[in-house]
């Protein structure tokens, strides 16, 4: 059986792919040109598991970070994609072995100007925490 953080990673990745959102587990090679040409896109960032357990199951809280990257003209698109992703993640209630409940108070959504290889870009950051039981 996988740990809750691995199951959440897989479930989120599949959920976003099935909704035709461009998600990568790592920034693509030549990512600046990808942003300029194909942006915005999503890169899976950190996952964190704060564990608890019962006699039969590992459980706890799973925190994930998603990065949404767009070029300097795509602020609106980055914001819209961030909102869409949050809406989809709010609907994720289970993986194969775990029930999930999103922790609304522990969720952060930021869209900010950033620099990438000396180019101006828009960077959305979505931090979401689930209770996994």
N, C-alpha and C. Protein backbone atom coordinates (compact mmCIF):
# COMPACT_ATOMS: atom_id res chain seq x y z
N UNK A 1 0.84 -1.18 0.00
CA UNK A 1 0.00 0.00 0.00
C UNK A 1 0.89 1.25 0.00
N UNK A 2 0.51 2.23 -0.77
CA UNK A 2 1.26 3.48 -0.82
C UNK A 2 0.90 4.37 0.37
N UNK A 3 1.81 5.25 0.70
CA UNK A 3 1.53 6.23 1.75
C UNK A 3 0.55 7.27 1.22
N UNK A 4 -0.14 7.98 2.13
CA UNK A 4 -1.13 8.96 1.68
C UNK A 4 -0.56 10.02 0.74
N UNK A 5 0.67 10.48 0.98
CA UNK A 5 1.24 11.52 0.12
C UNK A 5 1.45 11.02 -1.30
N UNK A 6 1.88 9.77 -1.46
CA UNK A 6 2.05 9.23 -2.81
C UNK A 6 0.71 9.04 -3.51
N UNK A 7 -0.29 8.59 -2.78
CA UNK A 7 -1.61 8.42 -3.39
C UNK A 7 -2.22 9.76 -3.78
N UNK A 8 -2.04 10.78 -2.94
CA UNK A 8 -2.56 12.11 -3.28
C UNK A 8 -1.82 12.67 -4.49
N UNK A 9 -0.50 12.51 -4.54
CA UNK A 9 0.26 12.96 -5.71
C UNK A 9 -0.32 12.34 -6.97
N UNK A 10 -0.46 11.01 -6.98
CA UNK A 10 -0.97 10.32 -8.16
C UNK A 10 -2.39 10.76 -8.51
N UNK A 11 -3.24 10.91 -7.49
CA UNK A 11 -4.64 11.29 -7.74
C UNK A 11 -4.73 12.71 -8.31
N UNK A 12 -3.96 13.62 -7.76
CA UNK A 12 -3.98 15.01 -8.26
C UNK A 12 -3.43 15.06 -9.68
N UNK A 13 -2.34 14.37 -9.92
CA UNK A 13 -1.74 14.35 -11.26
C UNK A 13 -2.75 13.83 -12.28
N UNK A 14 -3.39 12.71 -11.97
CA UNK A 14 -4.38 12.13 -12.88
C UNK A 14 -5.60 13.02 -13.05
N UNK A 15 -6.06 13.63 -11.96
CA UNK A 15 -7.22 14.52 -12.02
C UNK A 15 -6.95 15.70 -12.96
N UNK A 16 -5.80 16.31 -12.84
CA UNK A 16 -5.49 17.47 -13.67
C UNK A 16 -5.27 17.05 -15.13
N UNK A 17 -4.59 15.93 -15.34
CA UNK A 17 -4.42 15.43 -16.71
C UNK A 17 -5.76 15.11 -17.35
N UNK A 18 -6.66 14.48 -16.60
CA UNK A 18 -7.96 14.10 -17.17
C UNK A 18 -8.82 15.32 -17.48
N UNK A 19 -8.49 16.47 -16.91
CA UNK A 19 -9.18 17.72 -17.22
C UNK A 19 -8.39 18.56 -18.22
N UNK A 20 -7.49 17.90 -18.95
CA UNK A 20 -6.70 18.52 -20.01
C UNK A 20 -5.89 19.73 -19.55
N UNK A 21 -5.39 19.67 -18.33
CA UNK A 21 -4.52 20.73 -17.84
C UNK A 21 -3.07 20.28 -18.01
N UNK A 22 -2.20 21.16 -18.46
CA UNK A 22 -0.80 20.79 -18.71
C UNK A 22 -0.02 20.71 -17.41
N UNK A 23 0.15 19.50 -16.90
CA UNK A 23 0.86 19.31 -15.63
C UNK A 23 2.11 18.48 -15.85
N UNK A 24 3.17 18.86 -15.13
CA UNK A 24 4.45 18.17 -15.19
C UNK A 24 4.88 17.84 -13.77
N UNK A 25 5.59 16.72 -13.59
CA UNK A 25 6.11 16.40 -12.27
C UNK A 25 7.41 17.14 -11.99
N UNK A 26 7.97 17.75 -13.02
CA UNK A 26 9.18 18.56 -12.90
C UNK A 26 9.14 19.57 -14.04
N UNK A 27 9.71 20.74 -13.83
CA UNK A 27 9.71 21.74 -14.89
C UNK A 27 10.30 21.15 -16.17
N UNK A 28 9.64 21.34 -17.30
CA UNK A 28 10.16 20.78 -18.54
C UNK A 28 11.50 21.42 -18.93
N UNK A 29 12.32 20.65 -19.66
CA UNK A 29 13.54 21.24 -20.20
C UNK A 29 13.13 22.42 -21.06
N UNK A 30 13.98 23.41 -21.10
CA UNK A 30 13.67 24.63 -21.87
C UNK A 30 12.35 25.22 -21.38
N UNK A 31 12.15 25.23 -20.05
CA UNK A 31 10.87 25.65 -19.50
C UNK A 31 10.53 27.10 -19.81
N UNK A 32 11.52 27.97 -19.94
CA UNK A 32 11.20 29.35 -20.27
C UNK A 32 10.60 29.45 -21.65
N UNK A 33 11.12 28.71 -22.61
CA UNK A 33 10.53 28.75 -23.95
C UNK A 33 9.16 28.06 -23.95
N UNK A 34 8.98 27.06 -23.08
CA UNK A 34 7.67 26.40 -22.95
C UNK A 34 6.64 27.38 -22.42
N UNK A 35 7.03 28.18 -21.41
CA UNK A 35 6.11 29.20 -20.89
C UNK A 35 5.76 30.19 -21.98
N UNK A 36 6.75 30.66 -22.71
CA UNK A 36 6.50 31.65 -23.75
C UNK A 36 5.61 31.11 -24.85
N UNK A 37 5.81 29.84 -25.20
CA UNK A 37 5.08 29.26 -26.32
C UNK A 37 3.76 28.61 -25.88
N UNK A 38 3.79 27.82 -24.80
CA UNK A 38 2.65 27.00 -24.42
C UNK A 38 2.02 27.37 -23.08
N UNK A 39 2.52 28.36 -22.40
CA UNK A 39 2.05 28.66 -21.05
C UNK A 39 0.58 29.04 -21.03
N UNK A 40 -0.04 29.08 -19.91
CA UNK A 40 0.55 28.63 -18.66
C UNK A 40 0.52 27.11 -18.51
N UNK A 41 1.36 26.63 -17.62
CA UNK A 41 1.38 25.21 -17.31
C UNK A 41 1.64 25.03 -15.82
N UNK A 42 1.43 23.80 -15.35
CA UNK A 42 1.51 23.48 -13.93
C UNK A 42 2.70 22.55 -13.68
N UNK A 43 3.43 22.83 -12.61
CA UNK A 43 4.51 21.95 -12.18
C UNK A 43 4.21 21.53 -10.74
N UNK A 44 4.23 20.22 -10.51
CA UNK A 44 4.02 19.70 -9.16
C UNK A 44 5.24 20.03 -8.33
N UNK A 45 5.03 20.66 -7.19
CA UNK A 45 6.12 20.99 -6.29
C UNK A 45 6.22 19.97 -5.18
N UNK A 46 6.38 20.44 -3.98
CA UNK A 46 6.59 19.58 -2.83
C UNK A 46 5.31 18.87 -2.39
N UNK A 47 5.51 17.70 -1.81
CA UNK A 47 4.46 17.01 -1.07
C UNK A 47 5.00 16.78 0.33
N UNK A 48 4.11 16.85 1.30
CA UNK A 48 4.53 16.66 2.69
C UNK A 48 3.48 15.82 3.39
N UNK A 49 3.92 14.87 4.19
CA UNK A 49 3.02 14.02 4.97
C UNK A 49 3.32 14.22 6.45
N UNK A 50 2.30 14.66 7.18
CA UNK A 50 2.37 14.73 8.64
C UNK A 50 1.58 13.54 9.14
N UNK A 51 2.27 12.54 9.66
CA UNK A 51 1.63 11.25 9.90
C UNK A 51 0.96 11.13 11.25
N UNK A 52 -0.01 10.27 11.24
CA UNK A 52 -0.68 9.73 12.40
C UNK A 52 -0.97 8.31 12.01
N UNK A 53 -1.38 7.50 12.93
CA UNK A 53 -1.68 6.14 12.53
C UNK A 53 -2.70 5.52 13.48
N UNK A 54 -3.36 4.51 12.98
CA UNK A 54 -4.22 3.68 13.80
C UNK A 54 -3.57 2.30 13.82
N UNK A 55 -4.24 1.33 14.39
CA UNK A 55 -3.67 -0.02 14.43
C UNK A 55 -3.54 -0.62 13.04
N UNK A 56 -4.38 -0.17 12.12
CA UNK A 56 -4.41 -0.81 10.81
C UNK A 56 -4.06 0.10 9.64
N UNK A 57 -3.92 1.41 9.88
CA UNK A 57 -3.75 2.31 8.74
C UNK A 57 -2.88 3.51 9.08
N UNK A 58 -2.04 3.90 8.14
CA UNK A 58 -1.30 5.14 8.23
C UNK A 58 -2.23 6.25 7.77
N UNK A 59 -2.29 7.32 8.50
CA UNK A 59 -3.12 8.45 8.10
C UNK A 59 -2.43 9.73 8.53
N UNK A 60 -3.04 10.85 8.23
CA UNK A 60 -2.44 12.12 8.61
C UNK A 60 -2.90 13.24 7.71
N UNK A 61 -2.05 14.24 7.58
CA UNK A 61 -2.33 15.36 6.69
C UNK A 61 -1.31 15.38 5.57
N UNK A 62 -1.80 15.62 4.38
CA UNK A 62 -0.95 15.69 3.19
C UNK A 62 -1.02 17.11 2.64
N UNK A 63 0.13 17.75 2.55
CA UNK A 63 0.22 19.09 1.96
C UNK A 63 0.90 18.97 0.61
N UNK A 64 0.32 19.63 -0.39
CA UNK A 64 0.91 19.64 -1.73
C UNK A 64 1.07 21.08 -2.19
N UNK A 65 2.06 21.30 -3.04
CA UNK A 65 2.27 22.61 -3.63
C UNK A 65 2.30 22.45 -5.14
N UNK A 66 1.51 23.27 -5.81
CA UNK A 66 1.50 23.31 -7.27
C UNK A 66 1.95 24.69 -7.71
N UNK A 67 2.77 24.75 -8.76
CA UNK A 67 3.25 26.01 -9.33
C UNK A 67 2.64 26.16 -10.71
N UNK A 68 2.04 27.31 -10.97
CA UNK A 68 1.46 27.60 -12.27
C UNK A 68 2.31 28.73 -12.88
N UNK A 69 2.86 28.46 -14.05
CA UNK A 69 3.77 29.41 -14.70
C UNK A 69 3.16 29.93 -15.99
N UNK A 70 3.27 31.23 -16.19
CA UNK A 70 2.81 31.85 -17.43
C UNK A 70 3.74 32.99 -17.81
N UNK A 71 3.67 33.39 -19.06
CA UNK A 71 4.54 34.48 -19.50
C UNK A 71 4.01 35.83 -19.02
N UNK A 72 4.74 36.87 -19.32
CA UNK A 72 4.43 38.20 -18.77
C UNK A 72 3.08 38.74 -19.19
N UNK A 73 2.47 38.17 -20.23
CA UNK A 73 1.16 38.63 -20.68
C UNK A 73 0.02 37.72 -20.20
N UNK A 74 0.33 36.74 -19.39
CA UNK A 74 -0.67 35.74 -19.02
C UNK A 74 -1.09 35.79 -17.55
N UNK A 75 -1.10 36.95 -16.97
CA UNK A 75 -1.50 37.06 -15.57
C UNK A 75 -2.92 36.53 -15.38
N UNK A 76 -3.85 36.94 -16.24
CA UNK A 76 -5.24 36.50 -16.12
C UNK A 76 -5.34 34.99 -16.29
N UNK A 77 -4.63 34.43 -17.26
CA UNK A 77 -4.68 32.99 -17.51
C UNK A 77 -4.11 32.21 -16.33
N UNK A 78 -3.02 32.70 -15.72
CA UNK A 78 -2.44 32.05 -14.55
C UNK A 78 -3.44 32.08 -13.40
N UNK A 79 -4.08 33.22 -13.19
CA UNK A 79 -5.07 33.34 -12.13
C UNK A 79 -6.26 32.41 -12.37
N UNK A 80 -6.74 32.36 -13.61
CA UNK A 80 -7.87 31.48 -13.95
C UNK A 80 -7.50 30.01 -13.76
N UNK A 81 -6.30 29.63 -14.19
CA UNK A 81 -5.88 28.24 -14.06
C UNK A 81 -5.73 27.87 -12.59
N UNK A 82 -5.18 28.78 -11.79
CA UNK A 82 -5.04 28.54 -10.37
C UNK A 82 -6.41 28.31 -9.73
N UNK A 83 -7.38 29.13 -10.09
CA UNK A 83 -8.74 28.97 -9.55
C UNK A 83 -9.37 27.66 -10.01
N UNK A 84 -9.18 27.31 -11.27
CA UNK A 84 -9.74 26.06 -11.79
C UNK A 84 -9.14 24.86 -11.07
N UNK A 85 -7.82 24.88 -10.89
CA UNK A 85 -7.15 23.78 -10.20
C UNK A 85 -7.67 23.67 -8.77
N UNK A 86 -7.81 24.79 -8.08
CA UNK A 86 -8.33 24.74 -6.72
C UNK A 86 -9.74 24.14 -6.68
N UNK A 87 -10.58 24.52 -7.63
CA UNK A 87 -11.92 23.95 -7.70
C UNK A 87 -11.89 22.44 -7.89
N UNK A 88 -11.03 21.97 -8.77
CA UNK A 88 -10.91 20.53 -8.99
C UNK A 88 -10.37 19.82 -7.75
N UNK A 89 -9.37 20.40 -7.10
CA UNK A 89 -8.81 19.77 -5.91
C UNK A 89 -9.81 19.74 -4.76
N UNK A 90 -10.70 20.71 -4.72
CA UNK A 90 -11.74 20.73 -3.68
C UNK A 90 -12.70 19.57 -3.82
N UNK A 91 -12.82 19.04 -5.03
CA UNK A 91 -13.73 17.93 -5.29
C UNK A 91 -13.08 16.56 -5.06
N UNK A 92 -11.77 16.53 -4.84
CA UNK A 92 -11.07 15.27 -4.62
C UNK A 92 -11.35 14.79 -3.20
N UNK A 93 -12.07 13.67 -3.07
CA UNK A 93 -12.49 13.20 -1.76
C UNK A 93 -11.94 11.82 -1.39
N UNK A 94 -11.27 11.16 -2.34
CA UNK A 94 -10.77 9.82 -2.02
C UNK A 94 -9.69 9.41 -3.01
N UNK A 95 -8.81 8.54 -2.53
CA UNK A 95 -7.87 7.81 -3.37
C UNK A 95 -8.20 6.34 -3.20
N UNK A 96 -7.38 5.47 -3.70
CA UNK A 96 -7.67 4.04 -3.60
C UNK A 96 -7.81 3.56 -2.15
N UNK A 97 -6.95 4.05 -1.26
CA UNK A 97 -6.94 3.57 0.11
C UNK A 97 -7.32 4.60 1.17
N UNK A 98 -7.55 5.84 0.78
CA UNK A 98 -7.76 6.91 1.75
C UNK A 98 -8.97 7.77 1.38
N UNK A 99 -9.65 8.25 2.42
CA UNK A 99 -10.65 9.30 2.26
C UNK A 99 -9.91 10.61 2.46
N UNK A 100 -10.32 11.63 1.73
CA UNK A 100 -9.65 12.93 1.81
C UNK A 100 -10.65 14.02 2.14
N UNK A 101 -10.22 14.98 2.93
CA UNK A 101 -11.01 16.17 3.20
C UNK A 101 -10.07 17.36 3.11
N UNK A 102 -10.38 18.28 2.21
CA UNK A 102 -9.52 19.45 2.04
C UNK A 102 -9.63 20.35 3.27
N UNK A 103 -8.53 20.88 3.69
CA UNK A 103 -8.48 21.81 4.82
C UNK A 103 -8.47 23.23 4.25
N UNK A 104 -9.65 23.82 4.15
CA UNK A 104 -9.80 25.15 3.54
C UNK A 104 -8.93 26.20 4.22
N UNK A 105 -8.83 26.13 5.56
CA UNK A 105 -8.08 27.14 6.29
C UNK A 105 -6.57 27.00 6.11
N UNK A 106 -6.12 25.87 5.60
CA UNK A 106 -4.70 25.65 5.39
C UNK A 106 -4.34 25.71 3.91
N UNK A 107 -5.17 26.36 3.12
CA UNK A 107 -4.94 26.48 1.69
C UNK A 107 -4.51 27.90 1.37
N UNK A 108 -3.52 28.02 0.51
CA UNK A 108 -3.02 29.33 0.11
C UNK A 108 -2.95 29.39 -1.41
N UNK A 109 -3.38 30.50 -1.96
CA UNK A 109 -3.38 30.73 -3.40
C UNK A 109 -2.73 32.10 -3.64
N UNK A 110 -1.61 32.12 -4.37
CA UNK A 110 -0.89 33.36 -4.63
C UNK A 110 -0.57 33.44 -6.12
N UNK A 111 -0.75 34.61 -6.72
CA UNK A 111 -0.28 34.88 -8.07
C UNK A 111 0.62 36.11 -7.96
N UNK A 112 1.87 35.96 -8.41
CA UNK A 112 2.83 37.04 -8.22
C UNK A 112 3.75 37.15 -9.43
N UNK A 113 4.23 38.37 -9.72
CA UNK A 113 5.25 38.48 -10.77
C UNK A 113 6.54 37.85 -10.27
N UNK A 114 7.30 37.29 -11.21
CA UNK A 114 8.52 36.58 -10.84
C UNK A 114 9.52 36.75 -11.97
N UNK A 115 10.74 36.33 -11.73
CA UNK A 115 11.79 36.31 -12.75
C UNK A 115 12.23 34.88 -12.96
N UNK A 116 12.39 34.49 -14.21
CA UNK A 116 12.87 33.16 -14.55
C UNK A 116 13.87 33.32 -15.67
N UNK A 117 15.12 32.96 -15.43
CA UNK A 117 16.19 33.17 -16.41
C UNK A 117 16.19 34.61 -16.93
N UNK A 118 16.05 35.55 -16.01
CA UNK A 118 16.03 36.98 -16.31
C UNK A 118 14.84 37.42 -17.16
N UNK A 119 13.83 36.59 -17.30
CA UNK A 119 12.61 36.97 -18.01
C UNK A 119 11.49 37.18 -16.99
N UNK A 120 10.63 38.14 -17.26
CA UNK A 120 9.48 38.37 -16.39
C UNK A 120 8.40 37.35 -16.70
N UNK A 121 7.88 36.72 -15.67
CA UNK A 121 6.83 35.72 -15.80
C UNK A 121 5.82 35.92 -14.67
N UNK A 122 4.67 35.26 -14.79
CA UNK A 122 3.70 35.19 -13.71
C UNK A 122 3.81 33.83 -13.07
N UNK A 123 3.76 33.82 -11.75
CA UNK A 123 3.94 32.58 -10.98
C UNK A 123 2.78 32.44 -9.99
N UNK A 124 1.96 31.43 -10.23
CA UNK A 124 0.91 31.10 -9.29
C UNK A 124 1.39 29.98 -8.39
N UNK A 125 1.09 30.08 -7.11
CA UNK A 125 1.44 29.04 -6.15
C UNK A 125 0.17 28.64 -5.42
N UNK A 126 -0.11 27.36 -5.43
CA UNK A 126 -1.29 26.82 -4.77
C UNK A 126 -0.83 25.77 -3.77
N UNK A 127 -1.00 26.08 -2.48
CA UNK A 127 -0.70 25.14 -1.41
C UNK A 127 -2.01 24.62 -0.86
N UNK A 128 -2.16 23.30 -0.88
CA UNK A 128 -3.40 22.67 -0.44
C UNK A 128 -3.05 21.58 0.57
N UNK A 129 -3.84 21.50 1.63
CA UNK A 129 -3.66 20.44 2.62
C UNK A 129 -4.93 19.61 2.72
N UNK A 130 -4.74 18.29 2.73
CA UNK A 130 -5.84 17.35 2.89
C UNK A 130 -5.65 16.57 4.20
N UNK A 131 -6.75 16.29 4.86
CA UNK A 131 -6.75 15.26 5.91
C UNK A 131 -6.93 13.95 5.18
N UNK A 132 -6.07 12.98 5.45
CA UNK A 132 -6.15 11.67 4.81
C UNK A 132 -6.39 10.64 5.90
N UNK A 133 -7.52 9.92 5.77
CA UNK A 133 -7.86 8.94 6.81
C UNK A 133 -8.49 7.71 6.20
